[in-house]
């Protein structure tokens, strides 16, 4: 098995063990809400954001034990965003990772509360004492994730996406939307790990942030490509919805060939950003390659 595949498998198991520990037990009241929280979080997935936390830690020689809370926090925010995105008022999806979405498995009201509870749990975790991290850096992590999740980040990008349905966007407008909607949490994953290294050279931190910005956009481009080329069974969610809903995508603006070329260009730019880290960043390099070559 390739080093990245081993690392991803190990990271997935690690963050899922931690999530299982931090999520409320299904038998704890209110049971239905806690069941829905666990259903929506412990339902598989790539765990890319958590893997980015651990891979950045590897590049900076930070022990995984110091990163578990940050990895869980970004995965909880991601899970909350998917629960809300799938609601009828938003993307109206019935499948997520090959299973019924939260509002289908439970109901819409429970799905709303599930997203709310997962979001607040993420910040509750970041308030916990963390090995090797002082209070100042812990507050910076909370501020960072709040900014990435809110109206200046992921939620703001989703709002623009909803407002843009049926409209023609320019390439800069599309990129700006996805820098926030998809890219903000991917950048936060890398930056949270960087904040776990209190003495990190600001120049290295800047390079890591540029890497994350590039792969965040590349991730969205590949998502758009897969929506055009893959089927529902492969994706684990409804394929072809962007075209059906007349949404602006990279293939609709650039064509499939142009979108693929754009993804490769962003991948190369991401790789170049890691040059100062030498071989320490090989996992991050491999993750950039994974982002543009994944099949779901």
C-alpha atoms as a PDB file:
ATOM      1  CA  UNK A   1       0.000   0.000   0.000  1.00  0.00           C
ATOM      2  CA  UNK A   2       1.295   3.479  -0.908  1.00  0.00           C
ATOM      3  CA  UNK A   3       2.484   5.713   1.976  1.00  0.00           C
ATOM      4  CA  UNK A   4      -0.426   8.141   1.464  1.00  0.00           C
ATOM      5  CA  UNK A   5      -3.003   5.347   1.500  1.00  0.00           C
ATOM      6  CA  UNK A   6      -1.565   4.012   4.769  1.00  0.00           C
ATOM      7  CA  UNK A   7      -1.457   7.515   6.270  1.00  0.00           C
ATOM      8  CA  UNK A   8      -5.050   8.253   5.224  1.00  0.00           C
ATOM      9  CA  UNK A   9      -6.320   4.952   6.576  1.00  0.00           C
ATOM     10  CA  UNK A  10      -4.513   5.541   9.876  1.00  0.00           C
ATOM     11  CA  UNK A  11      -5.761   9.136  10.086  1.00  0.00           C
ATOM     12  CA  UNK A  12      -9.331   8.138   9.289  1.00  0.00           C
ATOM     13  CA  UNK A  13      -9.339   5.519  12.025  1.00  0.00           C
ATOM     14  CA  UNK A  14      -7.703   7.905  14.453  1.00  0.00           C
ATOM     15  CA  UNK A  15     -10.177  10.767  13.977  1.00  0.00           C
ATOM     16  CA  UNK A  16     -13.158   8.391  13.960  1.00  0.00           C
ATOM     17  CA  UNK A  17     -12.060   6.922  17.312  1.00  0.00           C
ATOM     18  CA  UNK A  18     -11.775  10.429  18.708  1.00  0.00           C
ATOM     19  CA  UNK A  19     -15.144  11.500  17.259  1.00  0.00           C
ATOM     20  CA  UNK A  20     -16.767   8.390  18.726  1.00  0.00           C
ATOM     21  CA  UNK A  21     -15.329   9.395  22.100  1.00  0.00           C
ATOM     22  CA  UNK A  22     -16.418  13.041  21.947  1.00  0.00           C
ATOM     23  CA  UNK A  23     -19.903  12.619  20.434  1.00  0.00           C
ATOM     24  CA  UNK A  24     -22.684  12.047  22.998  1.00  0.00           C
ATOM     25  CA  UNK A  25     -23.778   8.436  23.419  1.00  0.00           C
ATOM     26  CA  UNK A  26     -26.985   7.433  21.613  1.00  0.00           C
ATOM     27  CA  UNK A  27     -28.525   6.424  24.924  1.00  0.00           C
ATOM     28  CA  UNK A  28     -28.012   9.893  26.428  1.00  0.00           C
ATOM     29  CA  UNK A  29     -31.039  12.198  26.402  1.00  0.00           C
ATOM     30  CA  UNK A  30     -32.207  13.614  24.056  1.00  0.00           C
ATOM     31  CA  UNK A  31     -31.683  10.276  22.345  1.00  0.00           C
ATOM     32  CA  UNK A  32     -33.050  11.136  18.899  1.00  0.00           C
ATOM     33  CA  UNK A  33     -30.798  14.185  18.544  1.00  0.00           C
ATOM     34  CA  UNK A  34     -27.728  12.291  19.725  1.00  0.00           C
ATOM     35  CA  UNK A  35     -28.525   9.403  17.386  1.00  0.00           C
ATOM     36  CA  UNK A  36     -28.772  11.854  14.490  1.00  0.00           C
ATOM     37  CA  UNK A  37     -25.480  13.533  15.453  1.00  0.00           C
ATOM     38  CA  UNK A  38     -23.677  10.200  15.441  1.00  0.00           C
ATOM     39  CA  UNK A  39     -25.447   9.060  12.252  1.00  0.00           C
ATOM     40  CA  UNK A  40     -24.365  12.216  10.422  1.00  0.00           C
ATOM     41  CA  UNK A  41     -20.773  12.221  11.650  1.00  0.00           C
ATOM     42  CA  UNK A  42     -19.751   8.568  11.886  1.00  0.00           C
ATOM     43  CA  UNK A  43     -20.986   7.724   8.395  1.00  0.00           C
ATOM     44  CA  UNK A  44     -17.697   7.250   6.574  1.00  0.00           C
ATOM     45  CA  UNK A  45     -16.277   9.758   4.134  1.00  0.00           C
ATOM     46  CA  UNK A  46     -12.721  10.653   3.137  1.00  0.00           C
ATOM     47  CA  UNK A  47     -11.991  12.648   6.304  1.00  0.00           C
ATOM     48  CA  UNK A  48      -9.873  14.871   4.058  1.00  0.00           C
ATOM     49  CA  UNK A  49      -9.978  17.837   6.417  1.00  0.00           C
ATOM     50  CA  UNK A  50      -8.800  15.777   9.385  1.00  0.00           C
ATOM     51  CA  UNK A  51      -6.124  14.144   7.196  1.00  0.00           C
ATOM     52  CA  UNK A  52      -4.906  17.620   6.238  1.00  0.00           C
ATOM     53  CA  UNK A  53      -4.609  18.507   9.925  1.00  0.00           C
ATOM     54  CA  UNK A  54      -2.493  15.398  10.577  1.00  0.00           C
ATOM     55  CA  UNK A  55      -0.426  15.742   7.370  1.00  0.00           C
ATOM     56  CA  UNK A  56       0.392  19.371   8.185  1.00  0.00           C
ATOM     57  CA  UNK A  57       1.378  18.212  11.656  1.00  0.00           C
ATOM     58  CA  UNK A  58       3.658  15.596  10.072  1.00  0.00           C
ATOM     59  CA  UNK A  59       5.315  18.306   7.975  1.00  0.00           C
ATOM     60  CA  UNK A  60       5.871  20.423  11.095  1.00  0.00           C
ATOM     61  CA  UNK A  61       6.917  17.532  13.396  1.00  0.00           C
ATOM     62  CA  UNK A  62       3.822  17.828  15.607  1.00  0.00           C
ATOM     63  CA  UNK A  63       2.613  14.660  17.337  1.00  0.00           C
ATOM     64  CA  UNK A  64      -0.848  13.433  16.253  1.00  0.00           C
ATOM     65  CA  UNK A  65      -2.032  13.447  19.892  1.00  0.00           C
ATOM     66  CA  UNK A  66      -1.725  17.240  19.837  1.00  0.00           C
ATOM     67  CA  UNK A  67      -3.949  17.473  16.765  1.00  0.00           C
ATOM     68  CA  UNK A  68      -6.883  15.190  17.588  1.00  0.00           C
ATOM     69  CA  UNK A  69      -9.118  17.972  18.880  1.00  0.00           C
ATOM     70  CA  UNK A  70      -8.438  20.197  15.856  1.00  0.00           C
ATOM     71  CA  UNK A  71      -9.071  17.257  13.513  1.00  0.00           C
ATOM     72  CA  UNK A  72     -12.369  16.464  15.247  1.00  0.00           C
ATOM     73  CA  UNK A  73     -13.425  20.115  15.224  1.00  0.00           C
ATOM     74  CA  UNK A  74     -13.046  20.522  11.444  1.00  0.00           C
ATOM     75  CA  UNK A  75     -14.823  17.223  10.802  1.00  0.00           C
ATOM     76  CA  UNK A  76     -17.728  18.266  13.052  1.00  0.00           C
ATOM     77  CA  UNK A  77     -18.067  21.580  11.207  1.00  0.00           C
ATOM     78  CA  UNK A  78     -17.936  19.733   7.888  1.00  0.00           C
ATOM     79  CA  UNK A  79     -20.582  17.244   9.065  1.00  0.00           C
ATOM     80  CA  UNK A  80     -22.864  20.061  10.244  1.00  0.00           C
ATOM     81  CA  UNK A  81     -22.506  21.817   6.888  1.00  0.00           C
ATOM     82  CA  UNK A  82     -23.470  18.663   4.980  1.00  0.00           C
ATOM     83  CA  UNK A  83     -26.549  18.073   7.146  1.00  0.00           C
ATOM     84  CA  UNK A  84     -27.762  21.610   6.467  1.00  0.00           C
ATOM     85  CA  UNK A  85     -26.717  21.598   2.776  1.00  0.00           C
ATOM     86  CA  UNK A  86     -28.824  18.484   2.166  1.00  0.00           C
ATOM     87  CA  UNK A  87     -32.030  20.052   3.513  1.00  0.00           C
ATOM     88  CA  UNK A  88     -34.927  20.722   1.097  1.00  0.00           C
ATOM     89  CA  UNK A  89     -34.462  24.475   1.557  1.00  0.00           C
ATOM     90  CA  UNK A  90     -30.871  24.208   0.300  1.00  0.00           C
ATOM     91  CA  UNK A  91     -29.588  21.468  -2.043  1.00  0.00           C
ATOM     92  CA  UNK A  92     -32.513  19.105  -1.336  1.00  0.00           C
ATOM     93  CA  UNK A  93     -30.473  15.884  -1.446  1.00  0.00           C
ATOM     94  CA  UNK A  94     -31.675  12.479  -0.317  1.00  0.00           C
ATOM     95  CA  UNK A  95     -28.335  10.643  -0.445  1.00  0.00           C
ATOM     96  CA  UNK A  96     -25.057  11.321   1.346  1.00  0.00           C
ATOM     97  CA  UNK A  97     -22.179   8.838   1.266  1.00  0.00           C
ATOM     98  CA  UNK A  98     -24.544   6.229  -0.115  1.00  0.00           C
ATOM     99  CA  UNK A  99     -27.000   6.543   2.791  1.00  0.00           C
ATOM    100  CA  UNK A 100     -30.214   8.524   3.347  1.00  0.00           C
ATOM    101  CA  UNK A 101     -29.452  12.103   4.371  1.00  0.00           C
ATOM    102  CA  UNK A 102     -30.163  13.149   7.957  1.00  0.00           C
ATOM    103  CA  UNK A 103     -33.538  14.749   7.242  1.00  0.00           C
ATOM    104  CA  UNK A 104     -34.643  11.603   5.370  1.00  0.00           C
ATOM    105  CA  UNK A 105     -33.376   9.185   8.034  1.00  0.00           C
ATOM    106  CA  UNK A 106     -34.890  11.330  10.826  1.00  0.00           C
ATOM    107  CA  UNK A 107     -36.819  14.507   9.934  1.00  0.00           C
ATOM    108  CA  UNK A 108     -36.145  18.108   8.930  1.00  0.00           C
ATOM    109  CA  UNK A 109     -36.437  19.591  12.416  1.00  0.00           C
ATOM    110  CA  UNK A 110     -34.020  17.015  13.823  1.00  0.00           C
ATOM    111  CA  UNK A 111     -31.615  17.694  10.935  1.00  0.00           C
ATOM    112  CA  UNK A 112     -31.618  21.419  11.738  1.00  0.00           C
ATOM    113  CA  UNK A 113     -30.891  20.740  15.402  1.00  0.00           C
ATOM    114  CA  UNK A 114     -28.251  18.159  14.486  1.00  0.00           C
ATOM    115  CA  UNK A 115     -26.326  20.700  12.438  1.00  0.00           C
ATOM    116  CA  UNK A 116     -26.604  23.265  15.226  1.00  0.00           C
ATOM    117  CA  UNK A 117     -25.389  20.785  17.833  1.00  0.00           C
ATOM    118  CA  UNK A 118     -22.471  19.526  15.740  1.00  0.00           C
ATOM    119  CA  UNK A 119     -21.309  23.090  15.145  1.00  0.00           C
ATOM    120  CA  UNK A 120     -21.371  24.001  18.826  1.00  0.00           C
ATOM    121  CA  UNK A 121     -19.649  20.743  19.783  1.00  0.00           C
ATOM    122  CA  UNK A 122     -16.728  21.689  17.509  1.00  0.00           C
ATOM    123  CA  UNK A 123     -16.105  24.864  19.500  1.00  0.00           C
ATOM    124  CA  UNK A 124     -16.745  23.104  22.803  1.00  0.00           C
ATOM    125  CA  UNK A 125     -13.871  20.756  21.937  1.00  0.00           C
ATOM    126  CA  UNK A 126     -11.525  23.607  21.048  1.00  0.00           C
ATOM    127  CA  UNK A 127     -12.139  25.054  24.525  1.00  0.00           C
ATOM    128  CA  UNK A 128     -10.650  21.938  26.124  1.00  0.00           C
ATOM    129  CA  UNK A 129      -7.047  22.072  27.410  1.00  0.00           C
ATOM    130  CA  UNK A 130      -4.685  20.803  24.711  1.00  0.00           C
ATOM    131  CA  UNK A 131      -1.165  19.451  25.206  1.00  0.00           C
ATOM    132  CA  UNK A 132       1.519  21.954  24.242  1.00  0.00           C
ATOM    133  CA  UNK A 133      -0.986  24.733  23.508  1.00  0.00           C
ATOM    134  CA  UNK A 134      -1.388  27.841  25.617  1.00  0.00           C
ATOM    135  CA  UNK A 135      -4.635  29.776  26.062  1.00  0.00           C
ATOM    136  CA  UNK A 136      -3.666  32.450  23.524  1.00  0.00           C
ATOM    137  CA  UNK A 137      -3.161  29.920  20.746  1.00  0.00           C
ATOM    138  CA  UNK A 138      -6.340  28.052  21.727  1.00  0.00           C
ATOM    139  CA  UNK A 139      -8.309  31.295  21.336  1.00  0.00           C
ATOM    140  CA  UNK A 140      -6.683  31.862  17.936  1.00  0.00           C
ATOM    141  CA  UNK A 141      -7.836  28.402  16.858  1.00  0.00           C
ATOM    142  CA  UNK A 142     -11.409  29.164  17.948  1.00  0.00           C
ATOM    143  CA  UNK A 143     -11.332  32.507  16.123  1.00  0.00           C
ATOM    144  CA  UNK A 144      -9.899  30.881  13.000  1.00  0.00           C
ATOM    145  CA  UNK A 145     -12.520  28.148  12.788  1.00  0.00           C
ATOM    146  CA  UNK A 146     -15.369  30.557  13.582  1.00  0.00           C
ATOM    147  CA  UNK A 147     -14.233  32.889  10.787  1.00  0.00           C
ATOM    148  CA  UNK A 148     -13.837  30.008   8.323  1.00  0.00           C
ATOM    149  CA  UNK A 149     -17.302  28.653   9.158  1.00  0.00           C
ATOM    150  CA  UNK A 150     -19.341  31.841   9.236  1.00  0.00           C
ATOM    151  CA  UNK A 151     -20.546  34.533   6.871  1.00  0.00           C
ATOM    152  CA  UNK A 152     -16.984  35.441   5.858  1.00  0.00           C
ATOM    153  CA  UNK A 153     -16.260  31.799   5.042  1.00  0.00           C
ATOM    154  CA  UNK A 154     -18.253  28.632   4.412  1.00  0.00           C
ATOM    155  CA  UNK A 155     -21.752  29.942   5.246  1.00  0.00           C
ATOM    156  CA  UNK A 156     -21.156  33.084   3.192  1.00  0.00           C
ATOM    157  CA  UNK A 157     -20.025  31.002   0.232  1.00  0.00           C
ATOM    158  CA  UNK A 158     -23.134  28.839   0.498  1.00  0.00           C
ATOM    159  CA  UNK A 159     -25.302  31.974   0.547  1.00  0.00           C
ATOM    160  CA  UNK A 160     -23.654  33.208  -2.662  1.00  0.00           C
ATOM    161  CA  UNK A 161     -24.132  29.752  -4.196  1.00  0.00           C
ATOM    162  CA  UNK A 162     -27.867  29.814  -3.443  1.00  0.00           C
ATOM    163  CA  UNK A 163     -28.212  33.347  -4.813  1.00  0.00           C
ATOM    164  CA  UNK A 164     -26.294  32.407  -7.977  1.00  0.00           C
ATOM    165  CA  UNK A 165     -28.484  29.481  -9.057  1.00  0.00           C
ATOM    166  CA  UNK A 166     -29.626  30.059 -12.633  1.00  0.00           C
ATOM    167  CA  UNK A 167     -27.236  33.002 -13.086  1.00  0.00           C
ATOM    168  CA  UNK A 168     -24.117  33.224 -15.230  1.00  0.00           C
ATOM    169  CA  UNK A 169     -20.993  33.866 -13.165  1.00  0.00           C
ATOM    170  CA  UNK A 170     -17.590  35.006 -14.348  1.00  0.00           C
ATOM    171  CA  UNK A 171     -14.585  32.850 -13.458  1.00  0.00           C
ATOM    172  CA  UNK A 172     -13.419  35.303 -10.729  1.00  0.00           C
ATOM    173  CA  UNK A 173     -16.952  35.289  -9.229  1.00  0.00           C
ATOM    174  CA  UNK A 174     -17.045  31.483  -9.234  1.00  0.00           C
ATOM    175  CA  UNK A 175     -13.600  31.268  -7.652  1.00  0.00           C
ATOM    176  CA  UNK A 176     -14.528  33.803  -4.982  1.00  0.00           C
ATOM    177  CA  UNK A 177     -17.630  31.763  -4.118  1.00  0.00           C
ATOM    178  CA  UNK A 178     -15.673  28.528  -3.746  1.00  0.00           C
ATOM    179  CA  UNK A 179     -12.732  30.089  -1.904  1.00  0.00           C
ATOM    180  CA  UNK A 180     -15.340  30.664   0.793  1.00  0.00           C
ATOM    181  CA  UNK A 181     -17.826  27.803   0.427  1.00  0.00           C
ATOM    182  CA  UNK A 182     -15.356  24.925   0.020  1.00  0.00           C
ATOM    183  CA  UNK A 183     -11.914  26.424   0.438  1.00  0.00           C
ATOM    184  CA  UNK A 184     -12.349  28.161   3.798  1.00  0.00           C
ATOM    185  CA  UNK A 185     -12.616  24.950   5.829  1.00  0.00           C
ATOM    186  CA  UNK A 186      -9.798  23.260   3.897  1.00  0.00           C
ATOM    187  CA  UNK A 187      -7.555  26.261   4.598  1.00  0.00           C
ATOM    188  CA  UNK A 188      -8.652  26.205   8.234  1.00  0.00           C
ATOM    189  CA  UNK A 189      -7.614  22.538   8.502  1.00  0.00           C
ATOM    190  CA  UNK A 190      -4.040  23.384   7.527  1.00  0.00           C
ATOM    191  CA  UNK A 191      -3.944  26.583   9.587  1.00  0.00           C
ATOM    192  CA  UNK A 192      -5.251  24.872  12.739  1.00  0.00           C
ATOM    193  CA  UNK A 193      -2.318  22.464  12.582  1.00  0.00           C
ATOM    194  CA  UNK A 194       0.054  25.359  11.957  1.00  0.00           C
ATOM    195  CA  UNK A 195      -1.308  27.129  15.060  1.00  0.00           C
ATOM    196  CA  UNK A 196      -0.405  24.026  17.065  1.00  0.00           C
ATOM    197  CA  UNK A 197       3.234  24.976  16.404  1.00  0.00           C
ATOM    198  CA  UNK A 198       3.533  28.207  18.455  1.00  0.00           C
ATOM    199  CA  UNK A 199       7.004  29.062  17.104  1.00  0.00           C
ATOM    200  CA  UNK A 200       6.301  28.494  13.420  1.00  0.00           C
ATOM    201  CA  UNK A 201       8.097  30.805  10.984  1.00  0.00           C
ATOM    202  CA  UNK A 202       5.439  33.193   9.549  1.00  0.00           C
ATOM    203  CA  UNK A 203       6.898  32.674   6.058  1.00  0.00           C
ATOM    204  CA  UNK A 204       6.270  28.919   6.310  1.00  0.00           C
ATOM    205  CA  UNK A 205       2.759  29.560   7.635  1.00  0.00           C
ATOM    206  CA  UNK A 206       2.076  31.782   4.616  1.00  0.00           C
ATOM    207  CA  UNK A 207       3.325  29.091   2.212  1.00  0.00           C
ATOM    208  CA  UNK A 208       1.126  26.475   3.879  1.00  0.00           C
ATOM    209  CA  UNK A 209      -1.893  28.759   3.613  1.00  0.00           C
ATOM    210  CA  UNK A 210      -1.272  29.280  -0.109  1.00  0.00           C
ATOM    211  CA  UNK A 211      -0.986  25.510  -0.561  1.00  0.00           C
ATOM    212  CA  UNK A 212      -4.341  25.060   1.197  1.00  0.00           C
ATOM    213  CA  UNK A 213      -5.991  27.803  -0.871  1.00  0.00           C
ATOM    214  CA  UNK A 214      -4.867  26.078  -4.086  1.00  0.00           C
ATOM    215  CA  UNK A 215      -6.007  22.584  -3.123  1.00  0.00           C
ATOM    216  CA  UNK A 216      -9.298  23.979  -1.806  1.00  0.00           C
ATOM    217  CA  UNK A 217     -10.115  25.335  -5.265  1.00  0.00           C
ATOM    218  CA  UNK A 218      -8.747  22.206  -6.959  1.00  0.00           C
ATOM    219  CA  UNK A 219     -11.000  20.093  -4.730  1.00  0.00           C
ATOM    220  CA  UNK A 220     -14.076  22.022  -5.881  1.00  0.00           C
ATOM    221  CA  UNK A 221     -13.069  21.793  -9.544  1.00  0.00           C
ATOM    222  CA  UNK A 222     -12.711  18.026  -9.217  1.00  0.00           C
ATOM    223  CA  UNK A 223     -16.116  17.908  -7.489  1.00  0.00           C
ATOM    224  CA  UNK A 224     -17.622  19.740 -10.473  1.00  0.00           C
ATOM    225  CA  UNK A 225     -15.892  17.376 -12.901  1.00  0.00           C
ATOM    226  CA  UNK A 226     -17.118  14.316 -11.006  1.00  0.00           C
ATOM    227  CA  UNK A 227     -20.670  15.680 -10.996  1.00  0.00           C
ATOM    228  CA  UNK A 228     -20.454  15.665 -14.804  1.00  0.00           C
ATOM    229  CA  UNK A 229     -18.605  12.390 -15.328  1.00  0.00           C
ATOM    230  CA  UNK A 230     -19.579  10.050 -12.461  1.00  0.00           C
ATOM    231  CA  UNK A 231     -22.797   8.305 -11.511  1.00  0.00           C
ATOM    232  CA  UNK A 232     -24.740   8.345  -8.262  1.00  0.00           C
ATOM    233  CA  UNK A 233     -23.437   4.948  -7.126  1.00  0.00           C
ATOM    234  CA  UNK A 234     -19.800   6.055  -7.468  1.00  0.00           C
ATOM    235  CA  UNK A 235     -20.329   9.470  -5.883  1.00  0.00           C
ATOM    236  CA  UNK A 236     -22.504   8.260  -2.993  1.00  0.00           C
ATOM    237  CA  UNK A 237     -24.740  11.275  -3.654  1.00  0.00           C
ATOM    238  CA  UNK A 238     -27.002  12.354  -6.505  1.00  0.00           C
ATOM    239  CA  UNK A 239     -24.945  12.923  -9.650  1.00  0.00           C
ATOM    240  CA  UNK A 240     -25.674  15.560 -12.308  1.00  0.00           C
ATOM    241  CA  UNK A 241     -27.502  17.897  -9.912  1.00  0.00           C
ATOM    242  CA  UNK A 242     -25.443  20.999 -10.747  1.00  0.00           C
ATOM    243  CA  UNK A 243     -26.365  20.841 -14.417  1.00  0.00           C
ATOM    244  CA  UNK A 244     -29.995  19.995 -13.587  1.00  0.00           C
ATOM    245  CA  UNK A 245     -30.210  22.977 -11.226  1.00  0.00           C
ATOM    246  CA  UNK A 246     -28.461  25.273 -13.717  1.00  0.00           C
ATOM    247  CA  UNK A 247     -25.614  26.053 -11.326  1.00  0.00           C
ATOM    248  CA  UNK A 248     -22.395  27.734 -12.410  1.00  0.00           C
ATOM    249  CA  UNK A 249     -19.518  25.229 -12.368  1.00  0.00           C
ATOM    250  CA  UNK A 250     -15.960  25.094 -13.661  1.00  0.00           C
ATOM    251  CA  UNK A 251     -16.905  22.726 -16.524  1.00  0.00           C
ATOM    252  CA  UNK A 252     -19.818  24.986 -17.514  1.00  0.00           C
ATOM    253  CA  UNK A 253     -17.440  27.960 -17.727  1.00  0.00           C
ATOM    254  CA  UNK A 254     -14.252  26.303 -18.977  1.00  0.00           C
ATOM    255  CA  UNK A 255     -15.456  23.022 -20.485  1.00  0.00           C
ATOM    256  CA  UNK A 256     -14.325  19.673 -19.068  1.00  0.00           C
ATOM    257  CA  UNK A 257     -10.870  19.920 -20.666  1.00  0.00           C
ATOM    258  CA  UNK A 258     -10.342  23.461 -19.389  1.00  0.00           C
ATOM    259  CA  UNK A 259     -11.559  22.532 -15.894  1.00  0.00           C
ATOM    260  CA  UNK A 260      -9.121  19.608 -15.744  1.00  0.00           C
ATOM    261  CA  UNK A 261      -6.269  21.844 -16.885  1.00  0.00           C
ATOM    262  CA  UNK A 262      -7.187  24.405 -14.223  1.00  0.00           C
ATOM    263  CA  UNK A 263      -7.138  21.693 -11.522  1.00  0.00           C
ATOM    264  CA  UNK A 264      -3.673  20.544 -12.635  1.00  0.00           C
ATOM    265  CA  UNK A 265      -2.387  24.140 -12.635  1.00  0.00           C
ATOM    266  CA  UNK A 266      -3.626  24.647  -9.057  1.00  0.00           C
ATOM    267  CA  UNK A 267      -2.050  21.324  -8.044  1.00  0.00           C
ATOM    268  CA  UNK A 268       1.321  22.458  -9.449  1.00  0.00           C
ATOM    269  CA  UNK A 269       0.999  25.792  -7.670  1.00  0.00           C
ATOM    270  CA  UNK A 270       0.235  24.007  -4.402  1.00  0.00           C
ATOM    271  CA  UNK A 271       3.300  21.769  -4.818  1.00  0.00           C
ATOM    272  CA  UNK A 272       5.547  24.769  -5.483  1.00  0.00           C
ATOM    273  CA  UNK A 273       4.315  26.406  -2.263  1.00  0.00           C
ATOM    274  CA  UNK A 274       5.754  23.499  -0.251  1.00  0.00           C
ATOM    275  CA  UNK A 275       9.307  23.839  -1.560  1.00  0.00           C
ATOM    276  CA  UNK A 276      10.729  25.326   1.695  1.00  0.00           C
ATOM    277  CA  UNK A 277       9.548  22.236   3.643  1.00  0.00           C
ATOM    278  CA  UNK A 278      11.619  19.710   1.620  1.00  0.00           C
ATOM    279  CA  UNK A 279      10.730  16.037   2.164  1.00  0.00           C
ATOM    280  CA  UNK A 280       8.776  16.764   5.348  1.00  0.00           C
ATOM    281  CA  UNK A 281       5.837  17.830   3.214  1.00  0.00           C
ATOM    282  CA  UNK A 282       5.694  14.732   0.972  1.00  0.00           C
ATOM    283  CA  UNK A 283       2.324  13.699   2.419  1.00  0.00           C
ATOM    284  CA  UNK A 284       0.903  17.130   1.686  1.00  0.00           C
ATOM    285  CA  UNK A 285       2.217  16.838  -1.874  1.00  0.00           C
ATOM    286  CA  UNK A 286       0.592  13.433  -2.230  1.00  0.00           C
ATOM    287  CA  UNK A 287      -2.692  14.799  -0.858  1.00  0.00           C
ATOM    288  CA  UNK A 288      -2.721  17.516  -3.502  1.00  0.00           C
ATOM    289  CA  UNK A 289      -2.330  14.811  -6.143  1.00  0.00           C
ATOM    290  CA  UNK A 290      -5.115  12.790  -4.500  1.00  0.00           C
ATOM    291  CA  UNK A 291      -7.476  15.779  -4.584  1.00  0.00           C
ATOM    292  CA  UNK A 292      -7.364  16.114  -8.374  1.00  0.00           C
ATOM    293  CA  UNK A 293      -7.353  12.378  -9.161  1.00  0.00           C
ATOM    294  CA  UNK A 294     -10.031  11.082  -6.757  1.00  0.00           C
ATOM    295  CA  UNK A 295     -13.123   9.367  -8.117  1.00  0.00           C
ATOM    296  CA  UNK A 296     -15.642  10.419  -5.434  1.00  0.00           C
END
